[in-house]
Amino acid sequence: CIKGKLACPPEDIGGVWGYYEMLEALQDTSHPEHTNFIEWIGKD
């Protein structure tokens, strides 16, 4: 492969909707799942 775009979603994230929820939660520290996603996927 010489070029690509974007990261692969994590395993068992729950499809497109689960991935979007994770992205929203990672950006919003007040999101109820923020801490859980940080612990699972990491803050980086």
PDB file of all heavy atoms in Angstrom:
ATOM      1  N   CYS A   1       0.862  -1.176   0.000  1.00  0.00           N
ATOM      2  CA  CYS A   1       0.000   0.000   0.000  1.00  0.00           C
ATOM      3  C   CYS A   1       0.901   1.229   0.000  1.00  0.00           C
ATOM      4  O   CYS A   1       1.868   1.290   0.751  1.00  0.00           O
ATOM      5  CB  CYS A   1      -0.883  -0.004   1.248  1.00  0.00           C
ATOM      6  SG  CYS A   1      -1.939   1.444   1.394  1.00  0.00           S
ATOM      7  N   ILE A   2       0.589   2.199  -0.829  1.00  0.00           N
ATOM      8  CA  ILE A   2       1.414   3.417  -0.866  1.00  0.00           C
ATOM      9  C   ILE A   2       0.679   4.631  -0.308  1.00  0.00           C
ATOM     10  O   ILE A   2       1.273   5.681  -0.111  1.00  0.00           O
ATOM     11  CB  ILE A   2       1.926   3.716  -2.289  1.00  0.00           C
ATOM     12  CG1 ILE A   2       0.773   3.928  -3.258  1.00  0.00           C
ATOM     13  CG2 ILE A   2       2.849   2.603  -2.759  1.00  0.00           C
ATOM     14  CD1 ILE A   2       1.193   4.465  -4.603  1.00  0.00           C
ATOM     15  N   LYS A   3      -0.632   4.474  -0.028  1.00  0.00           N
ATOM     16  CA  LYS A   3      -1.403   5.597   0.492  1.00  0.00           C
ATOM     17  C   LYS A   3      -2.709   5.080   1.076  1.00  0.00           C
ATOM     18  O   LYS A   3      -3.253   4.080   0.613  1.00  0.00           O
ATOM     19  CB  LYS A   3      -1.698   6.582  -0.637  1.00  0.00           C
ATOM     20  CG  LYS A   3      -2.412   7.833  -0.223  1.00  0.00           C
ATOM     21  CD  LYS A   3      -2.604   8.733  -1.439  1.00  0.00           C
ATOM     22  CE  LYS A   3      -3.446   9.938  -1.077  1.00  0.00           C
ATOM     23  NZ  LYS A   3      -3.740  10.757  -2.255  1.00  0.00           N
ATOM     24  N   GLY A   4      -3.230   5.758   2.068  1.00  0.00           N
ATOM     25  CA  GLY A   4      -4.514   5.404   2.645  1.00  0.00           C
ATOM     26  C   GLY A   4      -5.076   6.570   3.419  1.00  0.00           C
ATOM     27  O   GLY A   4      -4.405   7.591   3.601  1.00  0.00           O
ATOM     28  N   LYS A   5      -6.306   6.430   3.872  1.00  0.00           N
ATOM     29  CA  LYS A   5      -6.972   7.483   4.623  1.00  0.00           C
ATOM     30  C   LYS A   5      -7.652   6.903   5.856  1.00  0.00           C
ATOM     31  O   LYS A   5      -8.271   5.849   5.779  1.00  0.00           O
ATOM     32  CB  LYS A   5      -8.045   8.165   3.782  1.00  0.00           C
ATOM     33  CG  LYS A   5      -7.538   8.917   2.590  1.00  0.00           C
ATOM     34  CD  LYS A   5      -8.708   9.527   1.844  1.00  0.00           C
ATOM     35  CE  LYS A   5      -8.240  10.204   0.573  1.00  0.00           C
ATOM     36  NZ  LYS A   5      -9.377  10.730  -0.191  1.00  0.00           N
ATOM     37  N   LEU A   6      -7.543   7.587   6.949  1.00  0.00           N
ATOM     38  CA  LEU A   6      -8.277   7.342   8.191  1.00  0.00           C
ATOM     39  C   LEU A   6      -7.913   6.028   8.886  1.00  0.00           C
ATOM     40  O   LEU A   6      -7.435   5.087   8.272  1.00  0.00           O
ATOM     41  CB  LEU A   6      -9.785   7.401   7.961  1.00  0.00           C
ATOM     42  CG  LEU A   6     -10.295   8.672   7.283  1.00  0.00           C
ATOM     43  CD1 LEU A   6     -11.785   8.578   7.046  1.00  0.00           C
ATOM     44  CD2 LEU A   6      -9.952   9.914   8.092  1.00  0.00           C
ATOM     45  N   ALA A   7      -8.153   6.008  10.161  1.00  0.00           N
ATOM     46  CA  ALA A   7      -7.886   4.836  10.995  1.00  0.00           C
ATOM     47  C   ALA A   7      -9.022   3.829  10.859  1.00  0.00           C
ATOM     48  O   ALA A   7     -10.161   4.200  10.591  1.00  0.00           O
ATOM     49  CB  ALA A   7      -7.762   5.266  12.462  1.00  0.00           C
ATOM     50  N   CYS A   8      -8.705   2.577  11.048  1.00  0.00           N
ATOM     51  CA  CYS A   8      -9.757   1.558  11.109  1.00  0.00           C
ATOM     52  C   CYS A   8     -10.480   1.700  12.437  1.00  0.00           C
ATOM     53  O   CYS A   8      -9.880   2.053  13.452  1.00  0.00           O
ATOM     54  CB  CYS A   8      -9.158   0.160  11.010  1.00  0.00           C
ATOM     55  SG  CYS A   8      -8.752  -0.327   9.343  1.00  0.00           S
ATOM     56  N   PRO A   9     -11.756   1.412  12.449  1.00  0.00           N
ATOM     57  CA  PRO A   9     -12.485   1.455  13.720  1.00  0.00           C
ATOM     58  C   PRO A   9     -12.039   0.305  14.604  1.00  0.00           C
ATOM     59  O   PRO A   9     -11.603  -0.731  14.115  1.00  0.00           O
ATOM     60  CB  PRO A   9     -13.941   1.284  13.284  1.00  0.00           C
ATOM     61  CG  PRO A   9     -13.869   0.607  11.967  1.00  0.00           C
ATOM     62  CD  PRO A   9     -12.597   1.048  11.322  1.00  0.00           C
ATOM     63  N   PRO A  10     -12.145   0.484  15.918  1.00  0.00           N
ATOM     64  CA  PRO A  10     -11.778  -0.609  16.821  1.00  0.00           C
ATOM     65  C   PRO A  10     -12.738  -1.796  16.672  1.00  0.00           C
ATOM     66  O   PRO A  10     -13.885  -1.633  16.266  1.00  0.00           O
ATOM     67  CB  PRO A  10     -11.895   0.002  18.217  1.00  0.00           C
ATOM     68  CG  PRO A  10     -12.436   1.356  18.055  1.00  0.00           C
ATOM     69  CD  PRO A  10     -12.569   1.676  16.615  1.00  0.00           C
ATOM     70  N   GLU A  11     -12.244  -2.960  17.004  1.00  0.00           N
ATOM     71  CA  GLU A  11     -13.068  -4.173  16.968  1.00  0.00           C
ATOM     72  C   GLU A  11     -14.279  -4.008  17.885  1.00  0.00           C
ATOM     73  O   GLU A  11     -14.179  -3.430  18.972  1.00  0.00           O
ATOM     74  CB  GLU A  11     -12.255  -5.381  17.448  1.00  0.00           C
ATOM     75  CG  GLU A  11     -11.152  -5.795  16.519  1.00  0.00           C
ATOM     76  CD  GLU A  11     -11.650  -6.516  15.280  1.00  0.00           C
ATOM     77  OE1 GLU A  11     -12.769  -7.072  15.297  1.00  0.00           O
ATOM     78  OE2 GLU A  11     -10.900  -6.517  14.293  1.00  0.00           O
ATOM     79  N   ASP A  12     -15.393  -4.535  17.433  1.00  0.00           N
ATOM     80  CA  ASP A  12     -16.617  -4.622  18.239  1.00  0.00           C
ATOM     81  C   ASP A  12     -17.102  -3.276  18.760  1.00  0.00           C
ATOM     82  O   ASP A  12     -17.611  -3.171  19.875  1.00  0.00           O
ATOM     83  CB  ASP A  12     -16.432  -5.619  19.392  1.00  0.00           C
ATOM     84  CG  ASP A  12     -16.104  -7.004  18.895  1.00  0.00           C
ATOM     85  OD1 ASP A  12     -16.663  -7.407  17.862  1.00  0.00           O
ATOM     86  OD2 ASP A  12     -15.267  -7.678  19.519  1.00  0.00           O
ATOM     87  N   ILE A  13     -16.988  -2.239  17.948  1.00  0.00           N
ATOM     88  CA  ILE A  13     -17.421  -0.901  18.354  1.00  0.00           C
ATOM     89  C   ILE A  13     -18.928  -0.716  18.175  1.00  0.00           C
ATOM     90  O   ILE A  13     -19.508   0.221  18.697  1.00  0.00           O
ATOM     91  CB  ILE A  13     -16.621   0.190  17.594  1.00  0.00           C
ATOM     92  CG1 ILE A  13     -16.844   1.576  18.209  1.00  0.00           C
ATOM     93  CG2 ILE A  13     -16.982   0.209  16.125  1.00  0.00           C
ATOM     94  CD1 ILE A  13     -16.352   1.726  19.597  1.00  0.00           C
ATOM     95  N   GLY A  14     -19.579  -1.599  17.438  1.00  0.00           N
ATOM     96  CA  GLY A  14     -21.017  -1.470  17.247  1.00  0.00           C
ATOM     97  C   GLY A  14     -21.401  -0.861  15.913  1.00  0.00           C
ATOM     98  O   GLY A  14     -22.437  -0.210  15.806  1.00  0.00           O
ATOM     99  N   GLY A  15     -20.555  -1.050  14.917  1.00  0.00           N
ATOM    100  CA  GLY A  15     -20.866  -0.539  13.591  1.00  0.00           C
ATOM    101  C   GLY A  15     -20.660   0.958  13.478  1.00  0.00           C
ATOM    102  O   GLY A  15     -20.040   1.599  14.335  1.00  0.00           O
ATOM    103  N   VAL A  16     -21.213   1.524  12.411  1.00  0.00           N
ATOM    104  CA  VAL A  16     -21.038   2.949  12.126  1.00  0.00           C
ATOM    105  C   VAL A  16     -21.554   3.807  13.276  1.00  0.00           C
ATOM    106  O   VAL A  16     -20.887   4.747  13.717  1.00  0.00           O
ATOM    107  CB  VAL A  16     -21.752   3.331  10.808  1.00  0.00           C
ATOM    108  CG1 VAL A  16     -21.734   4.829  10.585  1.00  0.00           C
ATOM    109  CG2 VAL A  16     -21.115   2.610   9.634  1.00  0.00           C
ATOM    110  N   TRP A  17     -22.732   3.470  13.795  1.00  0.00           N
ATOM    111  CA  TRP A  17     -23.329   4.301  14.853  1.00  0.00           C
ATOM    112  C   TRP A  17     -22.520   4.225  16.138  1.00  0.00           C
ATOM    113  O   TRP A  17     -22.341   5.231  16.824  1.00  0.00           O
ATOM    114  CB  TRP A  17     -24.785   3.898  15.078  1.00  0.00           C
ATOM    115  CG  TRP A  17     -25.542   3.895  13.795  1.00  0.00           C
ATOM    116  CD1 TRP A  17     -26.154   2.823  13.207  1.00  0.00           C
ATOM    117  CD2 TRP A  17     -25.719   4.985  12.880  1.00  0.00           C
ATOM    118  NE1 TRP A  17     -26.706   3.181  12.001  1.00  0.00           N
ATOM    119  CE2 TRP A  17     -26.457   4.510  11.776  1.00  0.00           C
ATOM    120  CE3 TRP A  17     -25.326   6.313  12.881  1.00  0.00           C
ATOM    121  CZ2 TRP A  17     -26.810   5.313  10.703  1.00  0.00           C
ATOM    122  CZ3 TRP A  17     -25.671   7.118  11.805  1.00  0.00           C
ATOM    123  CH2 TRP A  17     -26.404   6.622  10.740  1.00  0.00           C
ATOM    124  N   GLY A  18     -22.020   3.056  16.471  1.00  0.00           N
ATOM    125  CA  GLY A  18     -21.187   2.927  17.663  1.00  0.00           C
ATOM    126  C   GLY A  18     -19.880   3.694  17.521  1.00  0.00           C
ATOM    127  O   GLY A  18     -19.386   4.287  18.479  1.00  0.00           O
ATOM    128  N   TYR A  19     -19.328   3.690  16.317  1.00  0.00           N
ATOM    129  CA  TYR A  19     -18.084   4.430  16.060  1.00  0.00           C
ATOM    130  C   TYR A  19     -18.318   5.927  16.215  1.00  0.00           C
ATOM    131  O   TYR A  19     -17.539   6.627  16.864  1.00  0.00           O
ATOM    132  CB  TYR A  19     -17.563   4.090  14.668  1.00  0.00           C
ATOM    133  CG  TYR A  19     -16.218   4.697  14.350  1.00  0.00           C
ATOM    134  CD1 TYR A  19     -15.096   4.393  15.106  1.00  0.00           C
ATOM    135  CD2 TYR A  19     -16.072   5.577  13.284  1.00  0.00           C
ATOM    136  CE1 TYR A  19     -13.858   4.938  14.805  1.00  0.00           C
ATOM    137  CE2 TYR A  19     -14.839   6.118  12.979  1.00  0.00           C
ATOM    138  CZ  TYR A  19     -13.737   5.801  13.736  1.00  0.00           C
ATOM    139  OH  TYR A  19     -12.506   6.344  13.446  1.00  0.00           O
ATOM    140  N   TYR A  20     -19.412   6.434  15.636  1.00  0.00           N
ATOM    141  CA  TYR A  20     -19.715   7.865  15.772  1.00  0.00           C
ATOM    142  C   TYR A  20     -19.960   8.247  17.229  1.00  0.00           C
ATOM    143  O   TYR A  20     -19.557   9.321  17.674  1.00  0.00           O
ATOM    144  CB  TYR A  20     -20.901   8.262  14.902  1.00  0.00           C
ATOM    145  CG  TYR A  20     -20.567   8.356  13.435  1.00  0.00           C
ATOM    146  CD1 TYR A  20     -21.451   7.902  12.471  1.00  0.00           C
ATOM    147  CD2 TYR A  20     -19.354   8.890  12.994  1.00  0.00           C
ATOM    148  CE1 TYR A  20     -21.148   7.976  11.119  1.00  0.00           C
ATOM    149  CE2 TYR A  20     -19.046   8.966  11.652  1.00  0.00           C
ATOM    150  CZ  TYR A  20     -19.943   8.518  10.722  1.00  0.00           C
ATOM    151  OH  TYR A  20     -19.640   8.605   9.389  1.00  0.00           O
ATOM    152  N   GLU A  21     -20.624   7.368  17.969  1.00  0.00           N
ATOM    153  CA  GLU A  21     -20.843   7.646  19.395  1.00  0.00           C
ATOM    154  C   GLU A  21     -19.509   7.715  20.129  1.00  0.00           C
ATOM    155  O   GLU A  21     -19.282   8.583  20.970  1.00  0.00           O
ATOM    156  CB  GLU A  21     -21.733   6.594  20.041  1.00  0.00           C
ATOM    157  CG  GLU A  21     -21.941   6.870  21.530  1.00  0.00           C
ATOM    158  CD  GLU A  21     -22.755   5.805  22.245  1.00  0.00           C
ATOM    159  OE1 GLU A  21     -23.210   4.845  21.606  1.00  0.00           O
ATOM    160  OE2 GLU A  21     -22.908   5.955  23.467  1.00  0.00           O
ATOM    161  N   MET A  22     -18.592   6.789  19.796  1.00  0.00           N
ATOM    162  CA  MET A  22     -17.281   6.796  20.435  1.00  0.00           C
ATOM    163  C   MET A  22     -16.538   8.098  20.129  1.00  0.00           C
ATOM    164  O   MET A  22     -15.971   8.717  21.027  1.00  0.00           O
ATOM    165  CB  MET A  22     -16.447   5.610  19.967  1.00  0.00           C
ATOM    166  CG  MET A  22     -15.074   5.554  20.636  1.00  0.00           C
ATOM    167  SD  MET A  22     -13.889   4.511  19.760  1.00  0.00           S
ATOM    168  CE  MET A  22     -13.446   5.577  18.393  1.00  0.00           C
ATOM    169  N   LEU A  23     -16.545   8.516  18.856  1.00  0.00           N
ATOM    170  CA  LEU A  23     -15.851   9.752  18.486  1.00  0.00           C
ATOM    171  C   LEU A  23     -16.428  10.952  19.239  1.00  0.00           C
ATOM    172  O   LEU A  23     -15.683  11.806  19.721  1.00  0.00           O
ATOM    173  CB  LEU A  23     -15.935   9.988  16.978  1.00  0.00           C
ATOM    174  CG  LEU A  23     -15.192   8.987  16.108  1.00  0.00           C
ATOM    175  CD1 LEU A  23     -15.427   9.296  14.632  1.00  0.00           C
ATOM    176  CD2 LEU A  23     -13.703   8.965  16.419  1.00  0.00           C
ATOM    177  N   GLU A  24     -17.748  11.006  19.351  1.00  0.00           N
ATOM    178  CA  GLU A  24     -18.397  12.091  20.091  1.00  0.00           C
ATOM    179  C   GLU A  24     -18.008  12.059  21.563  1.00  0.00           C
ATOM    180  O   GLU A  24     -17.672  13.082  22.156  1.00  0.00           O
ATOM    181  CB  GLU A  24     -19.915  11.958  19.937  1.00  0.00           C
ATOM    182  CG  GLU A  24     -20.702  13.044  20.620  1.00  0.00           C
ATOM    183  CD  GLU A  24     -22.201  12.846  20.453  1.00  0.00           C
ATOM    184  OE1 GLU A  24     -22.641  12.499  19.340  1.00  0.00           O
ATOM    185  OE2 GLU A  24     -22.923  13.022  21.459  1.00  0.00           O
ATOM    186  N   ALA A  25     -18.030  10.874  22.153  1.00  0.00           N
ATOM    187  CA  ALA A  25     -17.704  10.731  23.575  1.00  0.00           C
ATOM    188  C   ALA A  25     -16.244  11.083  23.857  1.00  0.00           C
ATOM    189  O   ALA A  25     -15.940  11.677  24.896  1.00  0.00           O
ATOM    190  CB  ALA A  25     -18.006   9.312  24.041  1.00  0.00           C
ATOM    191  N   LEU A  26     -15.339  10.731  22.955  1.00  0.00           N
ATOM    192  CA  LEU A  26     -13.926  11.042  23.174  1.00  0.00           C
ATOM    193  C   LEU A  26     -13.672  12.548  23.166  1.00  0.00           C
ATOM    194  O   LEU A  26     -12.781  13.035  23.859  1.00  0.00           O
ATOM    195  CB  LEU A  26     -13.061  10.367  22.102  1.00  0.00           C
ATOM    196  CG  LEU A  26     -12.936   8.852  22.211  1.00  0.00           C
ATOM    197  CD1 LEU A  26     -12.168   8.290  21.018  1.00  0.00           C
ATOM    198  CD2 LEU A  26     -12.272   8.432  23.513  1.00  0.00           C
ATOM    199  N   GLN A  27     -14.461  13.294  22.395  1.00  0.00           N
ATOM    200  CA  GLN A  27     -14.273  14.745  22.301  1.00  0.00           C
ATOM    201  C   GLN A  27     -15.002  15.519  23.393  1.00  0.00           C
ATOM    202  O   GLN A  27     -14.706  16.694  23.616  1.00  0.00           O
ATOM    203  CB  GLN A  27     -14.741  15.244  20.934  1.00  0.00           C
ATOM    204  CG  GLN A  27     -13.887  14.737  19.808  1.00  0.00           C
ATOM    205  CD  GLN A  27     -14.401  15.192  18.453  1.00  0.00           C
ATOM    206  OE1 GLN A  27     -15.357  15.959  18.346  1.00  0.00           O
ATOM    207  NE2 GLN A  27     -13.757  14.720  17.412  1.00  0.00           N
ATOM    208  N   ASP A  28     -15.944  14.894  24.067  1.00  0.00           N
ATOM    209  CA  ASP A  28     -16.787  15.582  25.052  1.00  0.00           C
ATOM    210  C   ASP A  28     -16.565  14.972  26.433  1.00  0.00           C
ATOM    211  O   ASP A  28     -17.080  13.901  26.736  1.00  0.00           O
ATOM    212  CB  ASP A  28     -18.250  15.453  24.626  1.00  0.00           C
ATOM    213  CG  ASP A  28     -19.216  16.126  25.576  1.00  0.00           C
ATOM    214  OD1 ASP A  28     -18.778  16.731  26.580  1.00  0.00           O
ATOM    215  OD2 ASP A  28     -20.433  16.041  25.313  1.00  0.00           O
ATOM    216  N   THR A  29     -15.824  15.678  27.264  1.00  0.00           N
ATOM    217  CA  THR A  29     -15.510  15.141  28.598  1.00  0.00           C
ATOM    218  C   THR A  29     -16.742  14.979  29.477  1.00  0.00           C
ATOM    219  O   THR A  29     -16.709  14.239  30.457  1.00  0.00           O
ATOM    220  CB  THR A  29     -14.487  16.041  29.317  1.00  0.00           C
ATOM    221  OG1 THR A  29     -15.006  17.370  29.391  1.00  0.00           O
ATOM    222  CG2 THR A  29     -13.151  16.044  28.589  1.00  0.00           C
ATOM    223  N   SER A  30     -17.855  15.639  29.127  1.00  0.00           N
ATOM    224  CA  SER A  30     -19.082  15.500  29.925  1.00  0.00           C
ATOM    225  C   SER A  30     -19.971  14.361  29.418  1.00  0.00           C
ATOM    226  O   SER A  30     -20.998  14.055  30.036  1.00  0.00           O
ATOM    227  CB  SER A  30     -19.877  16.811  29.928  1.00  0.00           C
ATOM    228  OG  SER A  30     -20.361  17.098  28.637  1.00  0.00           O
ATOM    229  N   HIS A  31     -19.577  13.729  28.329  1.00  0.00           N
ATOM    230  CA  HIS A  31     -20.353  12.603  27.790  1.00  0.00           C
ATOM    231  C   HIS A  31     -20.320  11.457  28.803  1.00  0.00           C
ATOM    232  O   HIS A  31     -19.268  11.147  29.364  1.00  0.00           O
ATOM    233  CB  HIS A  31     -19.757  12.151  26.449  1.00  0.00           C
ATOM    234  CG  HIS A  31     -20.607  11.190  25.692  1.00  0.00           C
ATOM    235  ND1 HIS A  31     -20.739   9.861  26.052  1.00  0.00           N
ATOM    236  CD2 HIS A  31     -21.371  11.367  24.592  1.00  0.00           C
ATOM    237  CE1 HIS A  31     -21.539   9.259  25.192  1.00  0.00           C
ATOM    238  NE2 HIS A  31     -21.944  10.159  24.295  1.00  0.00           N
ATOM    239  N   PRO A  32     -21.462  10.797  29.050  1.00  0.00           N
ATOM    240  CA  PRO A  32     -21.499   9.728  30.062  1.00  0.00           C
ATOM    241  C   PRO A  32     -20.566   8.549  29.774  1.00  0.00           C
ATOM    242  O   PRO A  32     -20.182   7.834  30.698  1.00  0.00           O
ATOM    243  CB  PRO A  32     -22.967   9.279  30.080  1.00  0.00           C
ATOM    244  CG  PRO A  32     -23.631   9.935  28.938  1.00  0.00           C
ATOM    245  CD  PRO A  32     -22.768  11.056  28.458  1.00  0.00           C
ATOM    246  N   GLU A  33     -20.177   8.347  28.523  1.00  0.00           N
ATOM    247  CA  GLU A  33     -19.292   7.237  28.177  1.00  0.00           C
ATOM    248  C   GLU A  33     -17.849   7.663  27.934  1.00  0.00           C
ATOM    249  O   GLU A  33     -17.016   6.831  27.561  1.00  0.00           O
ATOM    250  CB  GLU A  33     -19.821   6.518  26.925  1.00  0.00           C
ATOM    251  CG  GLU A  33     -21.147   5.819  27.140  1.00  0.00           C
ATOM    252  CD  GLU A  33     -21.032   4.691  28.160  1.00  0.00           C
ATOM    253  OE1 GLU A  33     -20.045   3.934  28.125  1.00  0.00           O
ATOM    254  OE2 GLU A  33     -21.937   4.573  29.000  1.00  0.00           O
ATOM    255  N   HIS A  34     -17.544   8.931  28.164  1.00  0.00           N
ATOM    256  CA  HIS A  34     -16.206   9.448  27.881  1.00  0.00           C
ATOM    257  C   HIS A  34     -15.117   8.623  28.579  1.00  0.00           C
ATOM    258  O   HIS A  34     -14.188   8.138  27.937  1.00  0.00           O
ATOM    259  CB  HIS A  34     -16.100  10.920  28.285  1.00  0.00           C
ATOM    260  CG  HIS A  34     -14.741  11.496  28.091  1.00  0.00           C
ATOM    261  ND1 HIS A  34     -14.288  11.921  26.862  1.00  0.00           N
ATOM    262  CD2 HIS A  34     -13.719  11.702  28.961  1.00  0.00           C
ATOM    263  CE1 HIS A  34     -13.056  12.366  26.980  1.00  0.00           C
ATOM    264  NE2 HIS A  34     -12.683  12.244  28.242  1.00  0.00           N
ATOM    265  N   THR A  35     -15.229   8.450  29.864  1.00  0.00           N
ATOM    266  CA  THR A  35     -14.212   7.735  30.639  1.00  0.00           C
ATOM    267  C   THR A  35     -14.087   6.280  30.185  1.00  0.00           C
ATOM    268  O   THR A  35     -12.974   5.763  30.055  1.00  0.00           O
ATOM    269  CB  THR A  35     -14.522   7.794  32.143  1.00  0.00           C
ATOM    270  OG1 THR A  35     -14.593   9.172  32.526  1.00  0.00           O
ATOM    271  CG2 THR A  35     -13.458   7.102  32.966  1.00  0.00           C
ATOM    272  N   ASN A  36     -15.212   5.626  29.920  1.00  0.00           N
ATOM    273  CA  ASN A  36     -15.175   4.230  29.471  1.00  0.00           C
ATOM    274  C   ASN A  36     -14.428   4.090  28.147  1.00  0.00           C
ATOM    275  O   ASN A  36     -13.622   3.169  27.982  1.00  0.00           O
ATOM    276  CB  ASN A  36     -16.594   3.671  29.330  1.00  0.00           C
ATOM    277  CG  ASN A  36     -17.271   3.486  30.668  1.00  0.00           C
ATOM    278  OD1 ASN A  36     -16.613   3.334  31.695  1.00  0.00           O
ATOM    279  ND2 ASN A  36     -18.590   3.523  30.664  1.00  0.00           N
ATOM    280  N   PHE A  37     -14.701   4.996  27.204  1.00  0.00           N
ATOM    281  CA  PHE A  37     -14.013   4.924  25.916  1.00  0.00           C
ATOM    282  C   PHE A  37     -12.527   5.243  26.053  1.00  0.00           C
ATOM    283  O   PHE A  37     -11.693   4.609  25.412  1.00  0.00           O
ATOM    284  CB  PHE A  37     -14.663   5.846  24.880  1.00  0.00           C
ATOM    285  CG  PHE A  37     -15.902   5.269  24.261  1.00  0.00           C
ATOM    286  CD1 PHE A  37     -17.117   5.917  24.369  1.00  0.00           C
ATOM    287  CD2 PHE A  37     -15.852   4.065  23.559  1.00  0.00           C
ATOM    288  CE1 PHE A  37     -18.260   5.395  23.790  1.00  0.00           C
ATOM    289  CE2 PHE A  37     -16.986   3.526  22.984  1.00  0.00           C
ATOM    290  CZ  PHE A  37     -18.195   4.195  23.094  1.00  0.00           C
ATOM    291  N   ILE A  38     -12.187   6.194  26.899  1.00  0.00           N
ATOM    292  CA  ILE A  38     -10.774   6.526  27.130  1.00  0.00           C
ATOM    293  C   ILE A  38     -10.039   5.311  27.689  1.00  0.00           C
ATOM    294  O   ILE A  38      -8.929   4.987  27.252  1.00  0.00           O
ATOM    295  CB  ILE A  38     -10.619   7.736  28.085  1.00  0.00           C
ATOM    296  CG1 ILE A  38     -11.108   9.015  27.418  1.00  0.00           C
ATOM    297  CG2 ILE A  38      -9.190   7.876  28.582  1.00  0.00           C
ATOM    298  CD1 ILE A  38     -10.239   9.536  26.301  1.00  0.00           C
ATOM    299  N   GLU A  39     -10.657   4.623  28.641  1.00  0.00           N
ATOM    300  CA  GLU A  39     -10.031   3.435  29.226  1.00  0.00           C
ATOM    301  C   GLU A  39      -9.888   2.317  28.191  1.00  0.00           C
ATOM    302  O   GLU A  39      -8.927   1.563  28.214  1.00  0.00           O
ATOM    303  CB  GLU A  39     -10.851   2.939  30.422  1.00  0.00           C
ATOM    304  CG  GLU A  39     -10.744   3.851  31.629  1.00  0.00           C
ATOM    305  CD  GLU A  39     -11.668   3.444  32.766  1.00  0.00           C
ATOM    306  OE1 GLU A  39     -12.415   2.445  32.627  1.00  0.00           O
ATOM    307  OE2 GLU A  39     -11.657   4.135  33.801  1.00  0.00           O
ATOM    308  N   TRP A  40     -10.857   2.203  27.278  1.00  0.00           N
ATOM    309  CA  TRP A  40     -10.852   1.129  26.284  1.00  0.00           C
ATOM    310  C   TRP A  40      -9.913   1.436  25.118  1.00  0.00           C
ATOM    311  O   TRP A  40      -9.039   0.634  24.795  1.00  0.00           O
ATOM    312  CB  TRP A  40     -12.267   0.895  25.770  1.00  0.00           C
ATOM    313  CG  TRP A  40     -12.377  -0.179  24.734  1.00  0.00           C
ATOM    314  CD1 TRP A  40     -11.715  -1.380  24.720  1.00  0.00           C
ATOM    315  CD2 TRP A  40     -13.178  -0.164  23.568  1.00  0.00           C
ATOM    316  NE1 TRP A  40     -12.081  -2.107  23.610  1.00  0.00           N
ATOM    317  CE2 TRP A  40     -12.977  -1.387  22.881  1.00  0.00           C
ATOM    318  CE3 TRP A  40     -14.068   0.763  23.030  1.00  0.00           C
ATOM    319  CZ2 TRP A  40     -13.628  -1.696  21.697  1.00  0.00           C
ATOM    320  CZ3 TRP A  40     -14.713   0.442  21.848  1.00  0.00           C
ATOM    321  CH2 TRP A  40     -14.486  -0.767  21.198  1.00  0.00           C
ATOM    322  N   ILE A  41     -10.054   2.589  24.510  1.00  0.00           N
ATOM    323  CA  ILE A  41      -9.329   2.885  23.278  1.00  0.00           C
ATOM    324  C   ILE A  41      -8.084   3.733  23.524  1.00  0.00           C
ATOM    325  O   ILE A  41      -7.181   3.780  22.697  1.00  0.00           O
ATOM    326  CB  ILE A  41     -10.274   3.558  22.245  1.00  0.00           C
ATOM    327  CG1 ILE A  41      -9.713   3.456  20.828  1.00  0.00           C
ATOM    328  CG2 ILE A  41     -10.547   4.995  22.575  1.00  0.00           C
ATOM    329  CD1 ILE A  41      -9.709   2.080  20.274  1.00  0.00           C
ATOM    330  N   GLY A  42      -8.044   4.413  24.651  1.00  0.00           N
ATOM    331  CA  GLY A  42      -6.904   5.275  24.968  1.00  0.00           C
ATOM    332  C   GLY A  42      -7.168   6.717  24.584  1.00  0.00           C
ATOM    333  O   GLY A  42      -7.932   7.006  23.681  1.00  0.00           O
ATOM    334  N   LYS A  43      -6.516   7.616  25.284  1.00  0.00           N
ATOM    335  CA  LYS A  43      -6.762   9.042  25.036  1.00  0.00           C
ATOM    336  C   LYS A  43      -6.066   9.546  23.779  1.00  0.00           C
ATOM    337  O   LYS A  43      -6.360  10.631  23.301  1.00  0.00           O
ATOM    338  CB  LYS A  43      -6.343   9.877  26.244  1.00  0.00           C
ATOM    339  CG  LYS A  43      -4.866   9.859  26.534  1.00  0.00           C
ATOM    340  CD  LYS A  43      -4.537  10.712  27.737  1.00  0.00           C
ATOM    341  CE  LYS A  43      -3.034  10.679  27.976  1.00  0.00           C
ATOM    342  NZ  LYS A  43      -2.647  11.513  29.075  1.00  0.00           N
ATOM    343  N   ASP A  44      -5.150   8.774  23.225  1.00  0.00           N
ATOM    344  CA  ASP A  44      -4.397   9.208  22.053  1.00  0.00           C
ATOM    345  C   ASP A  44      -4.969   8.685  20.733  1.00  0.00           C
ATOM    346  O   ASP A  44      -4.336   8.853  19.687  1.00  0.00           O
ATOM    347  CB  ASP A  44      -2.934   8.772  22.184  1.00  0.00           C
ATOM    348  CG  ASP A  44      -2.240   9.446  23.350  1.00  0.00           C
ATOM    349  OD1 ASP A  44      -2.572  10.611  23.635  1.00  0.00           O
ATOM    350  OD2 ASP A  44      -1.386   8.806  23.975  1.00  0.00           O
TER     351      ASP A  44
END
